[in-house]
Amino acid sequence: MIDKAEIKKQLVQAAEEVRRTTPMAGSITNAATMSFVANAQIAAGGSAAMVYLAEEAEFLAQAGGAFYVNMGTLLPVHEESIPHVARILSDADKPWVLDPVGIGIGSLRTAVLHQLKAYKPSIIRGNASEVIALAGLWELEGGGDASRVRGVDSTDAVDAARQAALSLAAWTGGAVAVSGETDLVVCDQMVISSRGGSPLMEKITGSGCSLGGVAAVYATSASPFIAALAATNVYNVAGRRASQRTTAPGSFQVAFLDELYTATPQDIANNPFEVLEA
């Protein structure tokens, strides 16, 4: 286990490296939030590219430093492209982020997510109900069925997903970020709670999806655990600051991207977080 001072040091290093190198993190992501994901990745200091086809996803997986897979708005082509790119990334030992949004909706989504267990994503990002449902689908401790997932919304408290998150992190050897009022970032040896953000983040489409994309950007420059925490912290910083500028969702989205862009590595490291017992 690393102490809080060392975590802060690594957060600063990761954010500085991203700003210095503008790393590529390709995505197969939700069509409803694609623009916001790309804009958030760029605002955080990275570079974005969105694809659908297996051949193009393979190219980005090989060319980029990390990759993001979001299960929203599935198309028939994703039945091939998502498992294909996950296998390529796993074989190349490259970091990738999975957001199992919409888990439990339809047989195609379930079948694809079931396949992804073998390819062990570096970071899993979801709300509490999605994390619990994914652990259940993969037959891990703390898991449950998908009946409590309401579309893309959670019906479970974040802390209820702690054991599922720990089990997923132990299986993958990576990290799990559970989003909610107070976020959890988990690896197999550590649990972090990160505070901040704004209730307005629930009023815009794509705050969760784009968080996964930004986690992929940081994963190019840091361990999965530090990358997941850096993304979570910068979102909490940007959300809190944006809510001080506006009280309506349309202007909040613009303000949020501005604050994501202007957040310094020190801001990210100093966002309030606590080290909890695993």
Protein backbone atom coordinates (compact mmCIF):
# COMPACT_ATOMS: atom_id res chain seq x y z
CA MET A 1 0.00 0.00 0.00
CA ILE A 2 1.29 3.47 -0.86
CA ASP A 3 0.72 6.40 1.47
CA LYS A 4 -1.25 9.53 0.69
CA ALA A 5 1.82 11.68 0.03
CA GLU A 6 3.10 9.19 -2.53
CA ILE A 7 -0.33 9.00 -4.17
CA LYS A 8 -0.37 12.79 -4.54
CA LYS A 9 3.13 12.73 -6.02
CA GLN A 10 2.09 10.14 -8.59
CA LEU A 11 -1.08 12.07 -9.45
CA VAL A 12 0.99 15.19 -10.20
CA GLN A 13 3.44 13.17 -12.30
CA ALA A 14 0.64 11.56 -14.32
CA ALA A 15 -1.13 14.86 -15.01
CA GLU A 16 2.13 16.61 -15.93
CA GLU A 17 3.07 13.79 -18.31
CA VAL A 18 -0.30 13.93 -20.05
CA ARG A 19 -0.07 17.70 -20.51
CA ARG A 20 3.47 17.35 -21.84
CA THR A 21 2.88 14.50 -24.33
CA THR A 22 -0.78 14.88 -25.47
CA PRO A 23 -1.24 11.10 -25.63
CA MET A 24 -3.70 9.32 -27.90
CA ALA A 25 -6.48 7.28 -26.29
CA GLY A 26 -8.80 5.85 -28.91
CA SER A 27 -12.40 4.94 -28.20
CA ILE A 28 -15.34 2.81 -29.16
CA THR A 29 -17.91 4.80 -27.27
CA ASN A 30 -21.52 5.83 -26.81
CA ALA A 31 -22.90 7.66 -29.85
CA ALA A 32 -25.05 9.82 -27.56
CA THR A 33 -21.99 11.18 -25.77
CA MET A 34 -19.18 10.83 -28.32
CA SER A 35 -18.56 14.55 -28.75
CA PHE A 36 -18.43 15.19 -25.02
CA VAL A 37 -16.04 12.26 -24.48
CA ALA A 38 -13.68 13.60 -27.16
CA ASN A 39 -13.85 17.16 -25.85
CA ALA A 40 -13.18 15.99 -22.29
CA GLN A 41 -10.17 13.91 -23.38
CA ILE A 42 -8.74 16.92 -25.21
CA ALA A 43 -9.47 19.29 -22.32
CA ALA A 44 -7.66 16.95 -19.94
CA GLY A 45 -4.59 17.10 -22.16
CA GLY A 46 -4.98 14.06 -24.39
CA SER A 47 -5.93 13.36 -27.97
CA ALA A 48 -9.13 11.61 -29.07
CA ALA A 49 -10.22 9.34 -31.93
CA MET A 50 -13.55 7.52 -32.16
CA VAL A 51 -14.18 4.43 -34.30
CA TYR A 52 -16.75 1.68 -34.87
CA LEU A 53 -15.01 -0.89 -37.11
CA ALA A 54 -12.75 -3.67 -35.86
CA GLU A 55 -9.96 -2.86 -38.33
CA GLU A 56 -9.90 0.81 -37.33
CA ALA A 57 -10.09 -0.04 -33.62
CA GLU A 58 -7.13 -2.38 -34.04
CA PHE A 59 -5.14 0.41 -35.71
CA LEU A 60 -5.86 2.83 -32.85
CA ALA A 61 -5.10 0.16 -30.25
CA GLN A 62 -1.69 -0.34 -31.81
CA ALA A 63 -0.98 3.34 -32.41
CA GLY A 64 -2.27 4.80 -29.15
CA GLY A 65 -1.16 4.48 -25.57
CA ALA A 66 -4.51 3.29 -24.23
CA PHE A 67 -8.08 2.60 -25.35
CA TYR A 68 -11.62 3.20 -24.06
CA VAL A 69 -14.60 0.88 -24.59
CA ASN A 70 -18.06 2.15 -23.66
CA MET A 71 -21.02 -0.20 -24.10
CA GLY A 72 -23.64 2.46 -24.75
CA THR A 73 -25.72 2.55 -27.97
CA LEU A 74 -24.51 -0.81 -29.30
CA LEU A 75 -24.62 -1.49 -33.04
CA PRO A 76 -24.33 -4.91 -34.72
CA VAL A 77 -20.75 -4.07 -35.74
CA HIS A 78 -19.77 -3.89 -32.07
CA GLU A 79 -20.34 -7.62 -31.67
CA GLU A 80 -17.11 -8.01 -33.65
CA SER A 81 -15.17 -4.82 -32.96
CA ILE A 82 -15.35 -4.66 -29.15
CA PRO A 83 -14.11 -8.20 -28.35
CA HIS A 84 -11.58 -7.90 -31.18
CA VAL A 85 -9.96 -4.73 -29.85
CA ALA A 86 -10.08 -6.04 -26.27
CA ARG A 87 -8.13 -9.13 -27.35
CA ILE A 88 -5.59 -7.01 -29.24
CA LEU A 89 -5.08 -4.78 -26.20
CA SER A 90 -4.82 -7.73 -23.83
CA ASP A 91 -2.30 -9.54 -26.04
CA ALA A 92 -0.22 -6.35 -26.34
CA ASP A 93 -0.49 -5.66 -22.58
CA LYS A 94 -1.84 -2.20 -23.28
CA PRO A 95 -4.14 -0.43 -20.82
CA TRP A 96 -7.82 -0.15 -21.62
CA VAL A 97 -10.91 1.11 -19.86
CA LEU A 98 -14.34 -0.56 -19.82
CA ASP A 99 -17.60 1.22 -19.03
CA PRO A 100 -20.36 -1.43 -18.84
CA VAL A 101 -23.13 1.15 -19.22
CA GLY A 102 -26.54 -0.36 -19.87
CA ILE A 103 -25.54 -3.79 -18.57
CA GLY A 104 -28.54 -6.09 -18.57
CA ILE A 105 -30.21 -4.50 -21.61
CA GLY A 106 -30.45 -7.14 -24.31
CA SER A 107 -28.65 -10.36 -25.16
CA LEU A 108 -25.99 -8.75 -27.39
CA ARG A 109 -24.73 -6.50 -24.61
CA THR A 110 -24.68 -9.40 -22.18
CA ALA A 111 -22.81 -11.66 -24.58
CA VAL A 112 -20.16 -9.04 -25.39
CA LEU A 113 -19.61 -8.16 -21.73
CA HIS A 114 -19.29 -11.84 -20.89
CA GLN A 115 -16.51 -12.20 -23.47
CA LEU A 116 -14.63 -9.23 -22.06
CA LYS A 117 -13.98 -11.00 -18.75
CA ALA A 118 -11.12 -12.93 -20.34
CA TYR A 119 -9.39 -9.76 -21.56
CA LYS A 120 -9.19 -8.13 -18.11
CA PRO A 121 -9.70 -4.39 -18.57
CA SER A 122 -7.15 -2.23 -16.79
CA ILE A 123 -9.85 0.10 -15.43
CA ILE A 124 -13.58 -0.47 -15.02
CA ARG A 125 -15.70 2.69 -14.63
CA GLY A 126 -19.36 2.55 -13.72
CA ASN A 127 -22.02 3.51 -11.26
CA ALA A 128 -22.67 1.27 -8.26
CA SER A 129 -25.42 -0.81 -9.88
CA GLU A 130 -23.36 -1.37 -13.03
CA VAL A 131 -20.32 -2.48 -11.03
CA ILE A 132 -22.43 -4.88 -8.96
CA ALA A 133 -24.08 -6.26 -12.11
CA LEU A 134 -20.75 -6.74 -13.91
CA ALA A 135 -19.32 -8.64 -10.94
CA GLY A 136 -22.45 -10.78 -11.02
CA LEU A 137 -22.17 -11.47 -14.74
CA TRP A 138 -18.52 -12.46 -14.26
CA GLU A 139 -19.48 -14.62 -11.24
CA LEU A 140 -17.34 -12.72 -8.75
CA GLU A 141 -17.90 -12.05 -5.05
CA GLY A 142 -20.16 -9.11 -4.30
CA GLY A 143 -21.93 -9.34 -7.62
CA GLY A 144 -25.66 -9.28 -8.26
CA ASP A 145 -28.00 -9.36 -11.21
CA ALA A 146 -28.70 -6.44 -13.50
CA SER A 147 -32.29 -5.95 -12.40
CA ARG A 148 -31.33 -2.99 -10.19
CA VAL A 149 -29.77 -1.08 -13.11
CA ARG A 150 -32.31 1.44 -14.38
CA GLY A 151 -31.12 2.15 -17.90
CA VAL A 152 -27.94 4.13 -17.31
CA ASP A 153 -28.88 5.10 -13.73
CA SER A 154 -27.87 3.49 -10.45
CA THR A 155 -30.30 2.35 -7.80
CA ASP A 156 -27.53 1.36 -5.35
CA ALA A 157 -25.39 3.47 -3.05
CA VAL A 158 -21.72 3.67 -3.95
CA ASP A 159 -20.56 1.87 -0.80
CA ALA A 160 -22.83 -1.08 -1.64
CA ALA A 161 -20.53 -1.77 -4.61
CA ARG A 162 -17.31 -1.91 -2.57
CA GLN A 163 -17.01 -5.71 -2.48
CA ALA A 164 -17.95 -6.04 -6.14
CA ALA A 165 -15.34 -3.42 -7.02
CA LEU A 166 -12.67 -5.19 -4.97
CA SER A 167 -13.51 -8.50 -6.64
CA LEU A 168 -13.34 -6.97 -10.12
CA ALA A 169 -10.02 -5.29 -9.31
CA ALA A 170 -8.59 -8.55 -7.97
CA TRP A 171 -9.70 -10.40 -11.11
CA THR A 172 -8.31 -7.85 -13.55
CA GLY A 173 -5.24 -6.80 -11.58
CA GLY A 174 -6.30 -3.23 -12.31
CA ALA A 175 -8.60 -0.60 -10.83
CA VAL A 176 -12.32 0.10 -10.53
CA ALA A 177 -13.86 3.58 -10.30
CA VAL A 178 -17.37 3.68 -8.84
CA SER A 179 -19.09 6.99 -9.51
CA GLY A 180 -21.63 8.55 -7.20
CA GLU A 181 -22.13 11.31 -4.66
CA THR A 182 -18.80 10.29 -3.13
CA ASP A 183 -16.69 8.26 -5.55
CA LEU A 184 -14.70 5.13 -4.80
CA VAL A 185 -11.51 4.17 -6.59
CA VAL A 186 -10.40 0.64 -5.83
CA CYS A 187 -7.49 -1.67 -6.53
CA ASP A 188 -7.01 -5.08 -4.97
CA GLN A 189 -5.14 -3.57 -1.99
CA MET A 190 -6.61 -0.11 -1.53
CA VAL A 191 -9.87 1.82 -1.49
CA ILE A 192 -9.95 5.60 -1.97
CA SER A 193 -12.93 7.88 -1.48
CA SER A 194 -12.85 11.07 -3.56
CA ARG A 195 -15.17 14.00 -2.90
CA GLY A 196 -16.32 16.96 -4.97
CA GLY A 197 -18.25 17.26 -8.19
CA SER A 198 -21.76 18.68 -8.44
CA PRO A 199 -25.36 17.45 -8.60
CA LEU A 200 -25.48 19.14 -12.02
CA MET A 201 -23.23 16.39 -13.36
CA GLU A 202 -26.32 14.16 -13.29
CA LYS A 203 -28.19 16.68 -15.43
CA ILE A 204 -25.88 16.47 -18.47
CA THR A 205 -25.45 13.52 -20.80
CA GLY A 206 -21.98 12.05 -20.77
CA SER A 207 -20.39 12.96 -17.45
CA GLY A 208 -19.81 9.28 -16.67
CA CYS A 209 -18.92 8.26 -20.23
CA SER A 210 -16.39 11.07 -20.54
CA LEU A 211 -14.85 10.15 -17.19
CA GLY A 212 -13.99 6.76 -18.65
CA GLY A 213 -12.41 8.44 -21.67
CA VAL A 214 -10.31 10.71 -19.47
CA ALA A 215 -9.24 7.72 -17.36
CA ALA A 216 -7.92 6.17 -20.59
CA VAL A 217 -5.92 9.34 -21.29
CA TYR A 218 -4.28 9.13 -17.85
CA ALA A 219 -3.73 5.38 -18.27
CA THR A 220 -1.20 6.19 -20.99
CA SER A 221 1.02 7.76 -18.32
CA ALA A 222 0.26 6.02 -15.02
CA SER A 223 -0.80 2.78 -13.37
CA PRO A 224 -4.49 1.90 -13.66
CA PHE A 225 -5.09 2.87 -10.05
CA ILE A 226 -3.44 6.31 -10.35
CA ALA A 227 -5.10 6.89 -13.74
CA ALA A 228 -8.55 6.09 -12.33
CA LEU A 229 -7.98 8.34 -9.33
CA ALA A 230 -6.57 11.18 -11.44
CA ALA A 231 -9.65 11.11 -13.67
CA THR A 232 -12.00 10.94 -10.70
CA ASN A 233 -10.22 13.76 -8.89
CA VAL A 234 -10.09 16.09 -11.88
CA TYR A 235 -13.80 15.51 -12.46
CA ASN A 236 -14.52 16.37 -8.86
CA VAL A 237 -12.42 19.52 -9.13
CA ALA A 238 -14.02 20.60 -12.41
CA GLY A 239 -17.56 19.79 -11.28
CA ARG A 240 -17.21 21.69 -8.03
CA ARG A 241 -15.72 24.76 -9.70
CA ALA A 242 -18.19 24.74 -12.60
CA SER A 243 -21.12 24.69 -10.17
CA GLN A 244 -19.79 27.89 -8.62
CA ARG A 245 -20.17 29.60 -12.00
CA THR A 246 -23.67 28.46 -13.03
CA THR A 247 -26.84 26.78 -11.78
CA ALA A 248 -28.18 25.40 -15.08
CA PRO A 249 -27.08 22.29 -17.01
CA GLY A 250 -26.40 23.81 -20.43
CA SER A 251 -23.95 26.41 -19.18
CA PHE A 252 -22.62 23.93 -16.64
CA GLN A 253 -21.41 21.62 -19.39
CA VAL A 254 -19.44 24.45 -20.98
CA ALA A 255 -18.07 25.59 -17.62
CA PHE A 256 -17.15 22.01 -16.75
CA LEU A 257 -15.01 21.61 -19.87
CA ASP A 258 -13.35 24.95 -19.12
CA GLU A 259 -12.52 23.84 -15.58
CA LEU A 260 -11.29 20.46 -16.81
CA TYR A 261 -8.92 22.31 -19.12
CA THR A 262 -7.63 24.74 -16.49
CA ALA A 263 -7.21 22.28 -13.60
CA THR A 264 -3.53 21.99 -12.74
CA PRO A 265 -1.71 18.79 -11.70
CA GLN A 266 -1.59 20.21 -8.17
CA ASP A 267 -5.35 20.84 -8.25
CA ILE A 268 -5.88 17.21 -9.19
CA ALA A 269 -3.60 15.89 -6.46
CA ASN A 270 -5.12 18.16 -3.80
CA ASN A 271 -8.77 17.33 -4.43
CA PRO A 272 -10.08 15.89 -1.14
CA PHE A 273 -9.64 12.12 -0.95
CA GLU A 274 -9.23 9.60 1.83
CA VAL A 275 -7.48 6.23 2.00
CA LEU A 276 -9.91 3.64 3.39
CA GLU A 277 -9.45 0.07 4.54
CA ALA A 278 -9.77 -2.43 1.70
